[in-house]
Amino acid sequence: MDASIIQRAFEALGDRLGTREPIEVLLVGGAAGMLTGVLSASRTTVDCEVMVYVRDDAMGTVELAADAVSEGLGRAKGGGG
């Protein structure tokens, strides 16, 4: 995935999660570097590493929604990479 695909995936994730209480995630690794401009946006990565979920109960909710977004983008389900 390049930065544009990652950006679209996070937008789709936000749409899928809807208007529920906000959930914050700490994204690290290549995806974080590409989205923040530390790494080239044309670089690619195969995953998005999330280190922290702010709302302790959010992990399962986000991962289920992320799997659905991933399938919608034609990618394999997450869960480690």
Protein backbone atom coordinates (compact mmCIF):
# COMPACT_ATOMS: atom_id res chain seq x y z
CA MET A 1 0.00 0.00 0.00
CA ASP A 2 1.19 3.50 -0.69
CA ALA A 3 0.19 6.59 1.29
CA SER A 4 -2.91 7.30 -0.82
CA ILE A 5 -4.29 3.80 -0.23
CA ILE A 6 -3.56 4.03 3.49
CA GLN A 7 -5.32 7.41 3.66
CA ARG A 8 -8.36 6.00 1.85
CA ALA A 9 -8.39 2.99 4.17
CA PHE A 10 -8.41 5.19 7.28
CA GLU A 11 -11.18 7.36 5.82
CA ALA A 12 -13.20 4.21 5.08
CA LEU A 13 -12.47 2.94 8.59
CA GLY A 14 -13.81 6.18 10.06
CA ASP A 15 -16.92 5.91 7.90
CA ARG A 16 -17.44 2.30 8.94
CA LEU A 17 -17.06 3.10 12.63
CA GLY A 18 -19.67 5.84 12.18
CA THR A 19 -20.53 8.47 14.74
CA ARG A 20 -19.76 6.40 17.80
CA GLU A 21 -17.62 7.81 20.57
CA PRO A 22 -14.22 8.82 19.10
CA ILE A 23 -11.46 6.21 19.08
CA GLU A 24 -7.82 7.24 18.91
CA VAL A 25 -5.07 4.95 17.66
CA LEU A 26 -1.29 5.31 17.72
CA LEU A 27 -0.07 4.27 14.29
CA VAL A 28 3.64 3.40 14.00
CA GLY A 29 6.00 1.98 11.40
CA GLY A 30 6.10 2.56 7.68
CA ALA A 31 2.44 3.58 7.33
CA ALA A 32 2.87 6.27 9.98
CA GLY A 33 6.04 7.53 8.34
CA MET A 34 4.38 7.76 4.94
CA LEU A 35 1.30 9.60 6.24
CA THR A 36 3.36 12.12 8.21
CA GLY A 37 5.87 12.79 5.45
CA VAL A 38 8.84 11.32 7.32
CA LEU A 39 8.99 8.65 4.59
CA SER A 40 8.22 9.11 0.91
CA ALA A 41 4.49 8.90 0.14
CA SER A 42 5.34 6.67 -2.85
CA ARG A 43 6.97 4.08 -0.62
CA THR A 44 4.88 0.98 0.06
CA THR A 45 4.07 -1.19 3.05
CA VAL A 46 1.94 -4.27 3.58
CA ASP A 47 0.46 -3.41 6.98
CA CYS A 48 -0.42 -0.76 9.53
CA GLU A 49 0.89 -1.28 13.03
CA VAL A 50 -1.26 0.12 15.82
CA MET A 51 0.39 0.31 19.23
CA VAL A 52 -2.29 1.93 21.41
CA TYR A 53 -6.06 2.22 21.30
CA VAL A 54 -7.51 5.07 23.36
CA ARG A 55 -10.58 3.56 24.74
CA ASP A 56 -9.39 0.31 26.16
CA ASP A 57 -12.40 -1.52 24.75
CA ALA A 58 -11.83 -0.30 21.18
CA MET A 59 -9.37 -2.89 19.89
CA GLY A 60 -11.92 -5.50 18.82
CA THR A 61 -14.26 -2.92 17.30
CA VAL A 62 -11.48 -1.32 15.25
CA GLU A 63 -10.04 -4.65 14.11
CA LEU A 64 -13.43 -5.93 12.90
CA ALA A 65 -14.04 -2.70 11.00
CA ALA A 66 -10.48 -2.76 9.61
CA ASP A 67 -10.98 -6.32 8.32
CA ALA A 68 -14.14 -5.21 6.50
CA VAL A 69 -12.34 -2.19 5.00
CA SER A 70 -9.43 -4.40 3.98
CA GLU A 71 -11.74 -6.81 2.19
CA GLY A 72 -13.43 -3.86 0.49
CA LEU A 73 -10.05 -2.72 -0.79
CA GLY A 74 -9.27 -6.22 -2.02
CA ARG A 75 -6.65 -6.92 0.64
CA ALA A 76 -6.19 -9.89 2.95
CA LYS A 77 -7.58 -9.72 6.47
CA GLY A 78 -5.28 -8.24 9.13
CA GLY A 79 -4.19 -9.68 12.39
CA GLY A 80 -0.44 -9.44 12.09
CA GLY A 81 1.99 -9.14 9.33
